[in-house]
Amino acid sequence: MKVNRNRISRLQRSQAGFSLAELMVVIVIIGLLATVVAPKLFDRLGSAQVSAAKQDMIAILDEVNMFRLNNGEMPSSIEELTREDDKGRKYLDTDVVPKDPWGNEYILEEDDNGDPVIWCYGADGTQGGEGGDLDFSTKMIKNREI
C-alpha cells in the first residue's frame, strides 16, 4: 500500500500545474520576442503609411495636372478638385478633401517654374522634421529622394 500512496502522491504533484520558475521563464521568453518583433512591426506600419501617402499624392497631382490642362490654370486648393468646375467636371471622386494616413491635409503649392507640388508633412503634420516626421513632396517622390 505504501507504494501505491507514493505513486498517487507523485502523480498528483506532476499534474498540479506549472511551477513559478517555469512561468517566469515563459514570461521572459515572450518579453524577449516582443522586444525583437515590435520594432520591426512598427517600422512596417510607418513604411506602409508613407507608401499610401505617396500613392495618394501622385494621384492628386495627376488630377491637378488634368485640371490645369482643362482650365488653363492651377486649382486654388485641393478642395477645388472635389467640386464640379464650370463644365461640370469633378476631378476627385470624393466630396471631402483627402487626408494623409496620419489624418492631416495634403498641401498644394506651385514651384518656381509654375508646376504644382503636393506636400505631406509626415506624422507630426507640421513643417520640418526627421524620421517618421519627415516632410516629403511629389518632386521628391519623382526624383526618388524618398
Protein backbone atom coordinates (compact mmCIF):
# COMPACT_ATOMS: atom_id res chain seq x y z
CA MET A 1 0.00 0.00 0.00
CA LYS A 2 2.86 2.34 0.67
CA VAL A 3 3.99 2.03 -2.90
CA ASN A 4 0.58 2.97 -4.18
CA ARG A 5 0.43 6.06 -1.96
CA ASN A 6 3.80 7.26 -3.24
CA ARG A 7 2.71 6.76 -6.83
CA ILE A 8 -0.53 8.62 -6.22
CA SER A 9 1.31 11.41 -4.44
CA ARG A 10 3.83 11.78 -7.33
CA LEU A 11 1.01 11.67 -9.87
CA GLN A 12 -0.88 14.43 -8.08
CA ARG A 13 2.23 16.63 -7.89
CA SER A 14 3.06 16.15 -11.57
CA GLN A 15 -0.46 17.20 -12.56
CA ALA A 16 -0.56 20.20 -10.23
CA GLY A 17 0.47 22.72 -12.94
CA PHE A 18 3.49 24.84 -13.74
CA SER A 19 5.98 25.96 -11.17
CA LEU A 20 6.71 29.63 -10.63
CA ALA A 21 10.14 29.20 -12.22
CA GLU A 22 8.63 27.68 -15.37
CA LEU A 23 6.14 30.54 -15.66
CA MET A 24 8.91 33.12 -15.21
CA VAL A 25 10.98 31.50 -17.99
CA VAL A 26 8.00 31.64 -20.35
CA ILE A 27 7.33 35.30 -19.48
CA VAL A 28 10.98 36.21 -20.10
CA ILE A 29 10.95 34.44 -23.47
CA ILE A 30 7.75 36.23 -24.51
CA GLY A 31 9.27 39.55 -23.42
CA LEU A 32 12.42 38.94 -25.46
CA LEU A 33 10.38 38.02 -28.53
CA ALA A 34 8.26 41.16 -28.13
CA THR A 35 11.35 43.39 -28.00
CA VAL A 36 12.61 41.88 -31.24
CA VAL A 37 9.30 41.79 -33.13
CA ALA A 38 7.67 45.07 -32.03
CA PRO A 39 10.19 47.50 -33.61
CA LYS A 40 10.03 45.65 -36.92
CA LEU A 41 6.25 45.71 -36.81
CA PHE A 42 6.16 49.46 -36.14
CA ASP A 43 8.70 50.10 -38.93
CA ARG A 44 6.46 48.23 -41.34
CA LEU A 45 3.45 50.24 -40.23
CA GLY A 46 5.32 53.52 -40.78
CA SER A 47 6.55 52.31 -44.15
CA ALA A 48 3.00 51.37 -45.19
CA GLN A 49 1.74 54.84 -44.23
CA VAL A 50 4.47 56.52 -46.28
CA SER A 51 3.66 54.28 -49.27
CA ALA A 52 -0.04 55.10 -49.01
CA ALA A 53 0.71 58.83 -48.80
CA LYS A 54 2.99 58.65 -51.84
CA GLN A 55 0.29 56.92 -53.89
CA ASP A 56 -2.33 59.47 -52.81
CA MET A 57 -0.03 62.38 -53.63
CA ILE A 58 0.74 61.11 -57.14
CA ALA A 59 -2.99 60.56 -57.79
CA ILE A 60 -3.83 64.08 -56.56
CA LEU A 61 -1.01 65.55 -58.66
CA ASP A 62 -2.38 63.78 -61.75
CA GLU A 63 -5.78 65.38 -61.13
CA VAL A 64 -4.20 68.81 -60.54
CA ASN A 65 -2.45 68.48 -63.91
CA MET A 66 -5.72 67.41 -65.56
CA PHE A 67 -7.44 70.45 -64.02
CA ARG A 68 -4.65 72.69 -65.37
CA LEU A 69 -4.98 71.14 -68.82
CA ASN A 70 -8.75 71.64 -68.91
CA ASN A 71 -8.92 75.07 -67.26
CA GLY A 72 -5.62 76.71 -68.18
CA GLU A 73 -4.70 77.35 -64.56
CA MET A 74 -3.93 75.54 -61.35
CA PRO A 75 -6.69 74.93 -58.84
CA SER A 76 -6.52 77.28 -55.88
CA SER A 77 -6.54 74.32 -53.49
CA ILE A 78 -7.01 70.57 -53.41
CA GLU A 79 -10.54 71.24 -52.19
CA GLU A 80 -11.35 72.75 -55.58
CA LEU A 81 -10.77 69.31 -57.13
CA THR A 82 -13.66 67.90 -55.06
CA ARG A 83 -16.19 70.33 -56.57
CA GLU A 84 -17.50 70.48 -60.11
CA ASP A 85 -15.87 73.06 -62.36
CA ASP A 86 -17.72 75.35 -64.82
CA LYS A 87 -18.12 72.45 -67.25
CA GLY A 88 -19.46 70.03 -64.64
CA ARG A 89 -16.21 68.08 -64.27
CA LYS A 90 -15.18 66.81 -60.87
CA TYR A 91 -11.55 65.75 -60.56
CA LEU A 92 -11.58 63.79 -57.30
CA ASP A 93 -14.32 61.23 -56.64
CA THR A 94 -14.95 62.49 -53.15
CA ASP A 95 -16.78 65.38 -51.51
CA VAL A 96 -14.13 65.82 -48.82
CA VAL A 97 -10.50 66.79 -49.17
CA PRO A 98 -8.35 63.67 -48.95
CA LYS A 99 -6.13 63.41 -45.89
CA ASP A 100 -2.81 61.69 -45.45
CA PRO A 101 -2.58 58.43 -43.45
CA TRP A 102 -1.89 60.45 -40.28
CA GLY A 103 -5.12 62.47 -40.70
CA ASN A 104 -3.50 65.70 -41.95
CA GLU A 105 -4.32 67.58 -45.14
CA TYR A 106 -2.05 67.45 -48.16
CA ILE A 107 -0.67 70.84 -49.22
CA LEU A 108 -0.80 72.11 -52.82
CA GLU A 109 1.88 74.60 -53.83
CA GLU A 110 3.33 75.97 -57.02
CA ASP A 111 7.10 75.74 -57.50
CA ASP A 112 9.35 78.39 -59.08
CA ASN A 113 8.59 77.03 -62.57
CA GLY A 114 4.83 77.24 -62.03
CA ASP A 115 4.49 73.47 -61.67
CA PRO A 116 2.24 72.00 -58.98
CA VAL A 117 3.80 70.26 -55.99
CA ILE A 118 1.89 68.26 -53.39
CA TRP A 119 3.36 68.16 -49.87
CA CYS A 120 2.83 65.79 -46.97
CA TYR A 121 4.16 66.97 -43.61
CA GLY A 122 4.58 63.46 -42.19
CA ALA A 123 3.36 62.02 -38.93
CA ASP A 124 3.63 65.26 -36.94
CA GLY A 125 1.63 67.27 -39.51
CA THR A 126 3.94 70.30 -39.23
CA GLN A 127 6.66 71.62 -41.49
CA GLY A 128 10.10 70.19 -40.86
CA GLY A 129 11.06 67.00 -39.14
CA GLU A 130 13.12 63.87 -39.45
CA GLY A 131 12.44 60.16 -39.43
CA GLY A 132 8.69 59.48 -39.26
CA ASP A 133 8.03 63.22 -39.14
CA LEU A 134 9.92 63.84 -42.40
CA ASP A 135 8.15 66.10 -44.90
CA PHE A 136 8.07 64.92 -48.50
CA SER A 137 6.72 66.19 -51.80
CA THR A 138 5.76 64.84 -55.20
CA LYS A 139 9.02 66.27 -56.54
CA MET A 140 10.97 64.22 -54.01
CA ILE A 141 8.96 61.13 -54.98
CA LYS A 142 9.61 61.64 -58.69
CA ASN A 143 13.33 62.25 -58.06
CA ARG A 144 13.38 59.09 -55.90
CA GLU A 145 14.63 61.03 -52.89
CA ILE A 146 12.13 59.20 -50.73
